[in-house]
All heavy atoms as atom14 arrays in JSON, in Angstrom:
{
  "sequence": "MVAIGTLLANNEMVKFDTVMDELAATLGKKRPDLLELNEKAIKKG",
  "atom14_mask": [
    [1, 1, 1, 1, 1, 1, 1, 1, 0, 0, 0, 0, 0, 0],
    [1, 1, 1, 1, 1, 1, 1, 0, 0, 0, 0, 0, 0, 0],
    [1, 1, 1, 1, 1, 0, 0, 0, 0, 0, 0, 0, 0, 0],
    [1, 1, 1, 1, 1, 1, 1, 1, 0, 0, 0, 0, 0, 0],
    [1, 1, 1, 1, 0, 0, 0, 0, 0, 0, 0, 0, 0, 0],
    [1, 1, 1, 1, 1, 1, 1, 0, 0, 0, 0, 0, 0, 0],
    [1, 1, 1, 1, 1, 1, 1, 1, 0, 0, 0, 0, 0, 0],
    [1, 1, 1, 1, 1, 1, 1, 1, 0, 0, 0, 0, 0, 0],
    [1, 1, 1, 1, 1, 0, 0, 0, 0, 0, 0, 0, 0, 0],
    [1, 1, 1, 1, 1, 1, 1, 1, 0, 0, 0, 0, 0, 0],
    [1, 1, 1, 1, 1, 1, 1, 1, 0, 0, 0, 0, 0, 0],
    [1, 1, 1, 1, 1, 1, 1, 1, 1, 0, 0, 0, 0, 0],
    [1, 1, 1, 1, 1, 1, 1, 1, 0, 0, 0, 0, 0, 0],
    [1, 1, 1, 1, 1, 1, 1, 0, 0, 0, 0, 0, 0, 0],
    [1, 1, 1, 1, 1, 1, 1, 1, 1, 0, 0, 0, 0, 0],
    [1, 1, 1, 1, 1, 1, 1, 1, 1, 1, 1, 0, 0, 0],
    [1, 1, 1, 1, 1, 1, 1, 1, 0, 0, 0, 0, 0, 0],
    [1, 1, 1, 1, 1, 1, 1, 0, 0, 0, 0, 0, 0, 0],
    [1, 1, 1, 1, 1, 1, 1, 0, 0, 0, 0, 0, 0, 0],
    [1, 1, 1, 1, 1, 1, 1, 1, 0, 0, 0, 0, 0, 0],
    [1, 1, 1, 1, 1, 1, 1, 1, 0, 0, 0, 0, 0, 0],
    [1, 1, 1, 1, 1, 1, 1, 1, 1, 0, 0, 0, 0, 0],
    [1, 1, 1, 1, 1, 1, 1, 1, 0, 0, 0, 0, 0, 0],
    [1, 1, 1, 1, 1, 0, 0, 0, 0, 0, 0, 0, 0, 0],
    [1, 1, 1, 1, 1, 0, 0, 0, 0, 0, 0, 0, 0, 0],
    [1, 1, 1, 1, 1, 1, 1, 0, 0, 0, 0, 0, 0, 0],
    [1, 1, 1, 1, 1, 1, 1, 1, 0, 0, 0, 0, 0, 0],
    [1, 1, 1, 1, 0, 0, 0, 0, 0, 0, 0, 0, 0, 0],
    [1, 1, 1, 1, 1, 1, 1, 1, 1, 0, 0, 0, 0, 0],
    [1, 1, 1, 1, 1, 1, 1, 1, 1, 0, 0, 0, 0, 0],
    [1, 1, 1, 1, 1, 1, 1, 1, 1, 1, 1, 0, 0, 0],
    [1, 1, 1, 1, 1, 1, 1, 0, 0, 0, 0, 0, 0, 0],
    [1, 1, 1, 1, 1, 1, 1, 1, 0, 0, 0, 0, 0, 0],
    [1, 1, 1, 1, 1, 1, 1, 1, 0, 0, 0, 0, 0, 0],
    [1, 1, 1, 1, 1, 1, 1, 1, 0, 0, 0, 0, 0, 0],
    [1, 1, 1, 1, 1, 1, 1, 1, 1, 0, 0, 0, 0, 0],
    [1, 1, 1, 1, 1, 1, 1, 1, 0, 0, 0, 0, 0, 0],
    [1, 1, 1, 1, 1, 1, 1, 1, 0, 0, 0, 0, 0, 0],
    [1, 1, 1, 1, 1, 1, 1, 1, 1, 0, 0, 0, 0, 0],
    [1, 1, 1, 1, 1, 1, 1, 1, 1, 0, 0, 0, 0, 0],
    [1, 1, 1, 1, 1, 0, 0, 0, 0, 0, 0, 0, 0, 0],
    [1, 1, 1, 1, 1, 1, 1, 1, 0, 0, 0, 0, 0, 0],
    [1, 1, 1, 1, 1, 1, 1, 1, 1, 0, 0, 0, 0, 0],
    [1, 1, 1, 1, 1, 1, 1, 1, 1, 0, 0, 0, 0, 0],
    [1, 1, 1, 1, 0, 0, 0, 0, 0, 0, 0, 0, 0, 0]
  ],
  "atom14_positions": [
    [[-24.3, -55.2, 47.25], [-23.23, -55.96, 47.4], [-22.01, -55.26, 48.02], [-21.24, -55.95, 48.79], [-22.74, -56.62, 46.09], [-23.83, -57.51, 45.58], [-24.27, -58.83, 46.68], [-26.02, -58.86, 46.91], [0.0, 0.0, 0.0], [0.0, 0.0, 0.0], [0.0, 0.0, 0.0], [0.0, 0.0, 0.0], [0.0, 0.0, 0.0], [0.0, 0.0, 0.0]],
    [[-21.93, -54.13, 47.71], [-20.91, -53.16, 48.4], [-21.09, -53.19, 49.99], [-20.28, -53.43, 50.91], [-20.71, -51.78, 47.94], [-19.82, -50.92, 48.71], [-20.46, -51.91, 46.46], [0.0, 0.0, 0.0], [0.0, 0.0, 0.0], [0.0, 0.0, 0.0], [0.0, 0.0, 0.0], [0.0, 0.0, 0.0], [0.0, 0.0, 0.0], [0.0, 0.0, 0.0]],
    [[-22.44, -53.07, 50.27], [-22.82, -53.09, 51.74], [-22.64, -54.46, 52.35], [-22.21, -54.59, 53.51], [-24.41, -52.74, 51.8], [0.0, 0.0, 0.0], [0.0, 0.0, 0.0], [0.0, 0.0, 0.0], [0.0, 0.0, 0.0], [0.0, 0.0, 0.0], [0.0, 0.0, 0.0], [0.0, 0.0, 0.0], [0.0, 0.0, 0.0], [0.0, 0.0, 0.0]],
    [[-22.84, -55.57, 51.65], [-22.56, -56.91, 52.13], [-20.99, -57.04, 52.37], [-20.71, -57.62, 53.43], [-23.1, -57.98, 51.25], [-24.53, -58.19, 51.39], [-22.35, -59.34, 51.5], [-25.18, -59.23, 50.6], [0.0, 0.0, 0.0], [0.0, 0.0, 0.0], [0.0, 0.0, 0.0], [0.0, 0.0, 0.0], [0.0, 0.0, 0.0], [0.0, 0.0, 0.0]],
    [[-20.25, -56.52, 51.46], [-18.85, -56.66, 51.7], [-18.45, -55.93, 53.02], [-17.5, -56.37, 53.61], [0.0, 0.0, 0.0], [0.0, 0.0, 0.0], [0.0, 0.0, 0.0], [0.0, 0.0, 0.0], [0.0, 0.0, 0.0], [0.0, 0.0, 0.0], [0.0, 0.0, 0.0], [0.0, 0.0, 0.0], [0.0, 0.0, 0.0], [0.0, 0.0, 0.0]],
    [[-18.89, -54.6, 53.18], [-18.67, -53.98, 54.37], [-19.0, -54.68, 55.61], [-18.32, -54.69, 56.58], [-19.31, -52.57, 54.26], [-18.7, -52.02, 53.15], [-18.7, -51.67, 55.46], [0.0, 0.0, 0.0], [0.0, 0.0, 0.0], [0.0, 0.0, 0.0], [0.0, 0.0, 0.0], [0.0, 0.0, 0.0], [0.0, 0.0, 0.0], [0.0, 0.0, 0.0]],
    [[-20.21, -55.35, 55.51], [-20.67, -56.2, 56.78], [-19.68, -57.29, 56.95], [-19.37, -57.54, 58.0], [-22.08, -56.63, 56.42], [-22.74, -57.46, 57.51], [-22.94, -56.68, 58.82], [-24.0, -58.15, 57.07], [0.0, 0.0, 0.0], [0.0, 0.0, 0.0], [0.0, 0.0, 0.0], [0.0, 0.0, 0.0], [0.0, 0.0, 0.0], [0.0, 0.0, 0.0]],
    [[-19.32, -57.94, 55.86], [-18.4, -59.02, 56.09], [-17.01, -58.64, 56.7], [-16.5, -59.41, 57.45], [-18.31, -59.74, 54.67], [-19.35, -60.51, 54.14], [-18.99, -61.04, 52.77], [-19.88, -61.57, 55.0], [0.0, 0.0, 0.0], [0.0, 0.0, 0.0], [0.0, 0.0, 0.0], [0.0, 0.0, 0.0], [0.0, 0.0, 0.0], [0.0, 0.0, 0.0]],
    [[-16.54, -57.53, 56.35], [-15.37, -57.0, 56.88], [-15.44, -56.6, 58.41], [-14.43, -56.62, 59.04], [-14.98, -55.78, 56.07], [0.0, 0.0, 0.0], [0.0, 0.0, 0.0], [0.0, 0.0, 0.0], [0.0, 0.0, 0.0], [0.0, 0.0, 0.0], [0.0, 0.0, 0.0], [0.0, 0.0, 0.0], [0.0, 0.0, 0.0], [0.0, 0.0, 0.0]],
    [[-16.71, -56.34, 58.86], [-16.8, -55.87, 60.24], [-17.59, -56.84, 61.06], [-17.83, -56.49, 62.27], [-17.61, -54.52, 60.2], [-16.74, -53.45, 59.65], [-15.94, -52.83, 60.3], [-16.91, -53.08, 58.31], [0.0, 0.0, 0.0], [0.0, 0.0, 0.0], [0.0, 0.0, 0.0], [0.0, 0.0, 0.0], [0.0, 0.0, 0.0], [0.0, 0.0, 0.0]],
    [[-18.11, -57.92, 60.64], [-18.73, -58.93, 61.43], [-18.44, -60.38, 60.79], [-18.56, -60.43, 59.54], [-20.2, -58.63, 61.47], [-21.0, -59.54, 62.38], [-21.12, -60.66, 62.17], [-21.5, -58.85, 63.48], [0.0, 0.0, 0.0], [0.0, 0.0, 0.0], [0.0, 0.0, 0.0], [0.0, 0.0, 0.0], [0.0, 0.0, 0.0], [0.0, 0.0, 0.0]],
    [[-18.42, -61.31, 61.65], [-17.96, -62.66, 61.07], [-19.21, -63.55, 61.14], [-18.98, -64.81, 61.3], [-16.84, -63.18, 61.86], [-15.63, -62.41, 61.69], [-14.36, -62.84, 62.54], [-14.59, -63.85, 63.26], [-13.35, -62.31, 62.4], [0.0, 0.0, 0.0], [0.0, 0.0, 0.0], [0.0, 0.0, 0.0], [0.0, 0.0, 0.0], [0.0, 0.0, 0.0]],
    [[-20.35, -63.13, 60.93], [-21.6, -64.0, 61.03], [-21.7, -64.98, 60.01], [-22.16, -66.07, 60.18], [-22.88, -63.2, 61.26], [-23.32, -62.6, 60.0], [-24.61, -61.49, 60.09], [-23.8, -60.11, 60.86], [0.0, 0.0, 0.0], [0.0, 0.0, 0.0], [0.0, 0.0, 0.0], [0.0, 0.0, 0.0], [0.0, 0.0, 0.0], [0.0, 0.0, 0.0]],
    [[-21.26, -64.59, 58.79], [-21.21, -65.49, 57.6], [-19.88, -65.22, 56.92], [-19.23, -64.3, 57.08], [-22.41, -65.34, 56.59], [-23.76, -65.74, 57.31], [-22.56, -63.86, 56.08], [0.0, 0.0, 0.0], [0.0, 0.0, 0.0], [0.0, 0.0, 0.0], [0.0, 0.0, 0.0], [0.0, 0.0, 0.0], [0.0, 0.0, 0.0], [0.0, 0.0, 0.0]],
    [[-19.57, -66.25, 56.05], [-18.23, -66.12, 55.35], [-18.46, -65.67, 54.0], [-19.48, -65.93, 53.38], [-17.62, -67.63, 55.39], [-17.27, -68.17, 56.77], [-16.7, -69.57, 56.67], [-16.5, -70.13, 57.98], [-17.72, -70.56, 58.7], [0.0, 0.0, 0.0], [0.0, 0.0, 0.0], [0.0, 0.0, 0.0], [0.0, 0.0, 0.0], [0.0, 0.0, 0.0]],
    [[-17.39, -65.11, 53.45], [-17.39, -64.45, 52.08], [-17.61, -65.7, 51.07], [-18.45, -65.44, 50.16], [-16.0, -63.86, 51.79], [-15.77, -63.62, 50.39], [-16.25, -62.43, 49.77], [-15.04, -64.47, 49.63], [-16.01, -62.24, 48.43], [-14.78, -64.21, 48.25], [-15.14, -63.12, 47.68], [0.0, 0.0, 0.0], [0.0, 0.0, 0.0], [0.0, 0.0, 0.0]],
    [[-16.94, -66.81, 51.3], [-17.11, -67.82, 50.31], [-18.63, -68.41, 50.32], [-19.02, -68.84, 49.27], [-16.29, -69.07, 50.7], [-14.77, -68.76, 50.38], [-14.43, -67.88, 49.6], [-13.84, -69.39, 51.07], [0.0, 0.0, 0.0], [0.0, 0.0, 0.0], [0.0, 0.0, 0.0], [0.0, 0.0, 0.0], [0.0, 0.0, 0.0], [0.0, 0.0, 0.0]],
    [[-19.31, -68.37, 51.39], [-20.69, -68.77, 51.36], [-21.54, -67.9, 50.63], [-22.45, -68.24, 49.84], [-21.19, -68.95, 52.91], [-20.17, -69.77, 53.7], [-22.49, -69.58, 52.91], [0.0, 0.0, 0.0], [0.0, 0.0, 0.0], [0.0, 0.0, 0.0], [0.0, 0.0, 0.0], [0.0, 0.0, 0.0], [0.0, 0.0, 0.0], [0.0, 0.0, 0.0]],
    [[-21.36, -66.61, 50.89], [-22.04, -65.52, 50.17], [-21.85, -65.71, 48.66], [-22.74, -65.68, 47.79], [-21.77, -64.05, 50.54], [-22.48, -63.09, 49.73], [-22.19, -63.89, 52.13], [0.0, 0.0, 0.0], [0.0, 0.0, 0.0], [0.0, 0.0, 0.0], [0.0, 0.0, 0.0], [0.0, 0.0, 0.0], [0.0, 0.0, 0.0], [0.0, 0.0, 0.0]],
    [[-20.57, -65.88, 48.22], [-20.35, -66.07, 46.8], [-20.92, -67.33, 46.22], [-21.41, -67.3, 45.17], [-18.77, -66.09, 46.49], [-18.04, -64.8, 46.74], [-18.8, -63.41, 45.75], [-18.79, -64.0, 44.09], [0.0, 0.0, 0.0], [0.0, 0.0, 0.0], [0.0, 0.0, 0.0], [0.0, 0.0, 0.0], [0.0, 0.0, 0.0], [0.0, 0.0, 0.0]],
    [[-20.91, -68.48, 46.99], [-21.64, -69.64, 46.59], [-23.04, -69.36, 46.31], [-23.64, -69.99, 45.37], [-21.49, -70.76, 47.67], [-20.05, -71.32, 47.65], [-19.28, -71.05, 46.86], [-19.81, -72.12, 48.77], [0.0, 0.0, 0.0], [0.0, 0.0, 0.0], [0.0, 0.0, 0.0], [0.0, 0.0, 0.0], [0.0, 0.0, 0.0], [0.0, 0.0, 0.0]],
    [[-23.7, -68.59, 47.19], [-25.15, -68.34, 47.02], [-25.37, -67.47, 45.87], [-26.25, -67.67, 45.09], [-25.77, -67.7, 48.28], [-25.93, -68.59, 49.55], [-26.77, -69.94, 49.1], [-27.76, -69.72, 48.38], [-26.37, -71.07, 49.47], [0.0, 0.0, 0.0], [0.0, 0.0, 0.0], [0.0, 0.0, 0.0], [0.0, 0.0, 0.0], [0.0, 0.0, 0.0]],
    [[-24.5, -66.55, 45.61], [-24.53, -65.62, 44.37], [-24.46, -66.53, 43.06], [-25.19, -66.3, 42.08], [-23.47, -64.58, 44.43], [-23.8, -63.39, 45.22], [-22.59, -62.33, 45.5], [-24.95, -62.48, 44.56], [0.0, 0.0, 0.0], [0.0, 0.0, 0.0], [0.0, 0.0, 0.0], [0.0, 0.0, 0.0], [0.0, 0.0, 0.0], [0.0, 0.0, 0.0]],
    [[-23.36, -67.33, 43.21], [-23.14, -68.16, 41.93], [-24.27, -69.08, 41.53], [-24.72, -69.21, 40.51], [-21.85, -69.13, 42.17], [0.0, 0.0, 0.0], [0.0, 0.0, 0.0], [0.0, 0.0, 0.0], [0.0, 0.0, 0.0], [0.0, 0.0, 0.0], [0.0, 0.0, 0.0], [0.0, 0.0, 0.0], [0.0, 0.0, 0.0], [0.0, 0.0, 0.0]],
    [[-24.96, -69.63, 42.82], [-26.24, -70.51, 42.49], [-27.3, -69.66, 42.01], [-28.09, -70.27, 41.16], [-26.59, -71.2, 43.85], [0.0, 0.0, 0.0], [0.0, 0.0, 0.0], [0.0, 0.0, 0.0], [0.0, 0.0, 0.0], [0.0, 0.0, 0.0], [0.0, 0.0, 0.0], [0.0, 0.0, 0.0], [0.0, 0.0, 0.0], [0.0, 0.0, 0.0]],
    [[-27.49, -68.34, 42.34], [-28.63, -67.66, 41.98], [-28.27, -66.97, 40.47], [-29.16, -66.93, 39.68], [-28.88, -66.43, 42.93], [-29.06, -67.04, 44.19], [-29.95, -65.51, 42.54], [0.0, 0.0, 0.0], [0.0, 0.0, 0.0], [0.0, 0.0, 0.0], [0.0, 0.0, 0.0], [0.0, 0.0, 0.0], [0.0, 0.0, 0.0], [0.0, 0.0, 0.0]],
    [[-27.08, -66.5, 40.34], [-26.85, -65.74, 39.12], [-26.08, -66.7, 37.98], [-26.13, -66.31, 36.84], [-25.99, -64.55, 39.43], [-26.62, -63.5, 40.21], [-25.36, -62.49, 40.58], [-27.71, -62.86, 39.71], [0.0, 0.0, 0.0], [0.0, 0.0, 0.0], [0.0, 0.0, 0.0], [0.0, 0.0, 0.0], [0.0, 0.0, 0.0], [0.0, 0.0, 0.0]],
    [[-25.39, -67.64, 38.5], [-24.62, -68.44, 37.65], [-25.27, -68.81, 36.25], [-24.56, -68.69, 35.25], [0.0, 0.0, 0.0], [0.0, 0.0, 0.0], [0.0, 0.0, 0.0], [0.0, 0.0, 0.0], [0.0, 0.0, 0.0], [0.0, 0.0, 0.0], [0.0, 0.0, 0.0], [0.0, 0.0, 0.0], [0.0, 0.0, 0.0], [0.0, 0.0, 0.0]],
    [[-26.39, -69.42, 36.17], [-26.93, -69.77, 34.96], [-27.74, -68.69, 34.26], [-27.66, -68.65, 33.0], [-27.96, -70.89, 35.2], [-27.22, -72.15, 35.56], [-28.14, -73.27, 35.78], [-27.4, -74.62, 36.39], [-28.26, -75.63, 36.69], [0.0, 0.0, 0.0], [0.0, 0.0, 0.0], [0.0, 0.0, 0.0], [0.0, 0.0, 0.0], [0.0, 0.0, 0.0]],
    [[-28.34, -67.81, 34.94], [-29.21, -66.75, 34.51], [-28.43, -65.56, 33.98], [-28.62, -64.99, 32.98], [-30.31, -66.29, 35.51], [-31.34, -67.29, 35.61], [-32.62, -66.78, 36.54], [-32.3, -67.02, 37.91], [-33.36, -66.66, 38.87], [0.0, 0.0, 0.0], [0.0, 0.0, 0.0], [0.0, 0.0, 0.0], [0.0, 0.0, 0.0], [0.0, 0.0, 0.0]],
    [[-27.51, -65.11, 34.9], [-26.78, -63.84, 34.6], [-25.3, -63.95, 35.16], [-24.89, -63.33, 36.03], [-27.44, -62.76, 35.42], [-28.85, -62.29, 34.95], [-28.84, -61.71, 33.49], [-28.01, -60.69, 33.23], [-28.24, -59.44, 33.23], [-29.33, -58.84, 33.64], [-27.25, -58.52, 32.9], [0.0, 0.0, 0.0], [0.0, 0.0, 0.0], [0.0, 0.0, 0.0]],
    [[-24.52, -64.79, 34.43], [-23.2, -64.97, 34.78], [-22.35, -63.64, 34.76], [-21.36, -63.55, 35.52], [-22.62, -66.13, 33.87], [-23.47, -66.14, 32.85], [-24.85, -65.69, 33.28], [0.0, 0.0, 0.0], [0.0, 0.0, 0.0], [0.0, 0.0, 0.0], [0.0, 0.0, 0.0], [0.0, 0.0, 0.0], [0.0, 0.0, 0.0], [0.0, 0.0, 0.0]],
    [[-22.74, -62.83, 33.82], [-21.99, -61.56, 33.72], [-22.12, -60.67, 34.98], [-21.23, -59.9, 35.25], [-22.59, -60.89, 32.51], [-24.15, -60.58, 32.55], [-24.84, -61.57, 32.85], [-24.63, -59.47, 32.35], [0.0, 0.0, 0.0], [0.0, 0.0, 0.0], [0.0, 0.0, 0.0], [0.0, 0.0, 0.0], [0.0, 0.0, 0.0], [0.0, 0.0, 0.0]],
    [[-23.11, -60.86, 35.68], [-23.39, -60.1, 37.0], [-22.62, -60.7, 38.24], [-22.41, -59.91, 39.08], [-24.88, -60.01, 37.37], [-25.8, -59.2, 36.45], [-27.21, -59.18, 37.01], [-25.22, -57.79, 36.34], [0.0, 0.0, 0.0], [0.0, 0.0, 0.0], [0.0, 0.0, 0.0], [0.0, 0.0, 0.0], [0.0, 0.0, 0.0], [0.0, 0.0, 0.0]],
    [[-22.27, -62.02, 38.03], [-21.5, -62.62, 39.11], [-20.19, -61.93, 39.39], [-19.72, -61.54, 40.43], [-21.29, -64.09, 38.81], [-20.65, -64.93, 39.98], [-21.46, -64.85, 41.27], [-20.5, -66.31, 39.56], [0.0, 0.0, 0.0], [0.0, 0.0, 0.0], [0.0, 0.0, 0.0], [0.0, 0.0, 0.0], [0.0, 0.0, 0.0], [0.0, 0.0, 0.0]],
    [[-19.39, -61.49, 38.24], [-18.12, -60.91, 38.47], [-18.39, -59.49, 38.98], [-17.52, -59.07, 39.9], [-17.38, -60.76, 37.06], [-16.09, -60.23, 37.14], [-15.38, -60.11, 35.77], [-15.72, -60.8, 34.95], [-14.5, -59.27, 35.7], [0.0, 0.0, 0.0], [0.0, 0.0, 0.0], [0.0, 0.0, 0.0], [0.0, 0.0, 0.0], [0.0, 0.0, 0.0]],
    [[-19.33, -58.77, 38.53], [-19.51, -57.43, 39.13], [-19.96, -57.49, 40.62], [-19.4, -56.63, 41.46], [-20.72, -56.79, 38.36], [-20.54, -56.36, 36.86], [-21.81, -55.6, 36.33], [-19.46, -55.25, 36.88], [0.0, 0.0, 0.0], [0.0, 0.0, 0.0], [0.0, 0.0, 0.0], [0.0, 0.0, 0.0], [0.0, 0.0, 0.0], [0.0, 0.0, 0.0]],
    [[-20.83, -58.34, 41.01], [-21.15, -58.53, 42.41], [-19.87, -58.91, 43.24], [-19.7, -58.35, 44.34], [-22.27, -59.64, 42.56], [-23.53, -59.05, 42.18], [-24.17, -58.41, 43.0], [-24.02, -59.34, 40.98], [0.0, 0.0, 0.0], [0.0, 0.0, 0.0], [0.0, 0.0, 0.0], [0.0, 0.0, 0.0], [0.0, 0.0, 0.0], [0.0, 0.0, 0.0]],
    [[-19.01, -59.65, 42.63], [-17.83, -60.16, 43.5], [-16.9, -58.86, 43.67], [-16.37, -58.75, 44.62], [-17.19, -61.32, 42.89], [-15.9, -61.77, 43.73], [-15.26, -62.96, 42.94], [-15.61, -63.44, 41.91], [-14.23, -63.33, 43.68], [0.0, 0.0, 0.0], [0.0, 0.0, 0.0], [0.0, 0.0, 0.0], [0.0, 0.0, 0.0], [0.0, 0.0, 0.0]],
    [[-16.71, -58.14, 42.65], [-15.93, -56.9, 42.7], [-16.53, -56.01, 43.8], [-15.74, -55.43, 44.6], [-15.88, -56.19, 41.41], [-14.91, -56.85, 40.32], [-14.94, -56.05, 39.11], [-14.19, -56.75, 38.0], [-14.22, -55.88, 36.71], [0.0, 0.0, 0.0], [0.0, 0.0, 0.0], [0.0, 0.0, 0.0], [0.0, 0.0, 0.0], [0.0, 0.0, 0.0]],
    [[-17.86, -55.83, 43.79], [-18.58, -54.95, 44.77], [-18.33, -55.42, 46.23], [-17.96, -54.6, 46.97], [-20.15, -54.83, 44.37], [0.0, 0.0, 0.0], [0.0, 0.0, 0.0], [0.0, 0.0, 0.0], [0.0, 0.0, 0.0], [0.0, 0.0, 0.0], [0.0, 0.0, 0.0], [0.0, 0.0, 0.0], [0.0, 0.0, 0.0], [0.0, 0.0, 0.0]],
    [[-18.42, -56.73, 46.43], [-18.36, -57.23, 47.69], [-16.79, -57.02, 48.1], [-16.6, -56.59, 49.26], [-18.62, -58.8, 47.83], [-20.13, -59.07, 47.6], [-18.16, -59.28, 49.1], [-20.57, -60.4, 47.45], [0.0, 0.0, 0.0], [0.0, 0.0, 0.0], [0.0, 0.0, 0.0], [0.0, 0.0, 0.0], [0.0, 0.0, 0.0], [0.0, 0.0, 0.0]],
    [[-15.91, -57.3, 47.37], [-14.52, -57.17, 47.7], [-14.18, -55.67, 47.9], [-13.46, -55.34, 48.85], [-13.57, -57.66, 46.6], [-13.56, -59.26, 46.66], [-12.68, -59.79, 45.6], [-12.56, -61.37, 45.69], [-11.81, -61.9, 44.65], [0.0, 0.0, 0.0], [0.0, 0.0, 0.0], [0.0, 0.0, 0.0], [0.0, 0.0, 0.0], [0.0, 0.0, 0.0]],
    [[-14.77, -54.75, 47.16], [-14.58, -53.43, 47.39], [-15.1, -52.95, 48.68], [-14.57, -52.15, 49.49], [-15.04, -52.48, 46.21], [-14.69, -51.11, 46.2], [-13.23, -50.93, 45.92], [-12.79, -49.49, 45.74], [-11.4, -49.21, 45.73], [0.0, 0.0, 0.0], [0.0, 0.0, 0.0], [0.0, 0.0, 0.0], [0.0, 0.0, 0.0], [0.0, 0.0, 0.0]],
    [[-16.3, -53.31, 49.13], [-16.9, -53.16, 50.31], [-16.14, -53.57, 51.5], [-16.24, -52.99, 52.56], [0.0, 0.0, 0.0], [0.0, 0.0, 0.0], [0.0, 0.0, 0.0], [0.0, 0.0, 0.0], [0.0, 0.0, 0.0], [0.0, 0.0, 0.0], [0.0, 0.0, 0.0], [0.0, 0.0, 0.0], [0.0, 0.0, 0.0], [0.0, 0.0, 0.0]]
  ]
}
């Protein structure tokens, strides 16, 4: 996710909000605790 963040900062092929929506859809019910960590990682990247 750090790598995805760096990609998002250097290329506009997809939007941050769209990636976060997909993460929420995937992790939201099963592992909501990981959603916050992933968001932090993307933002740091």
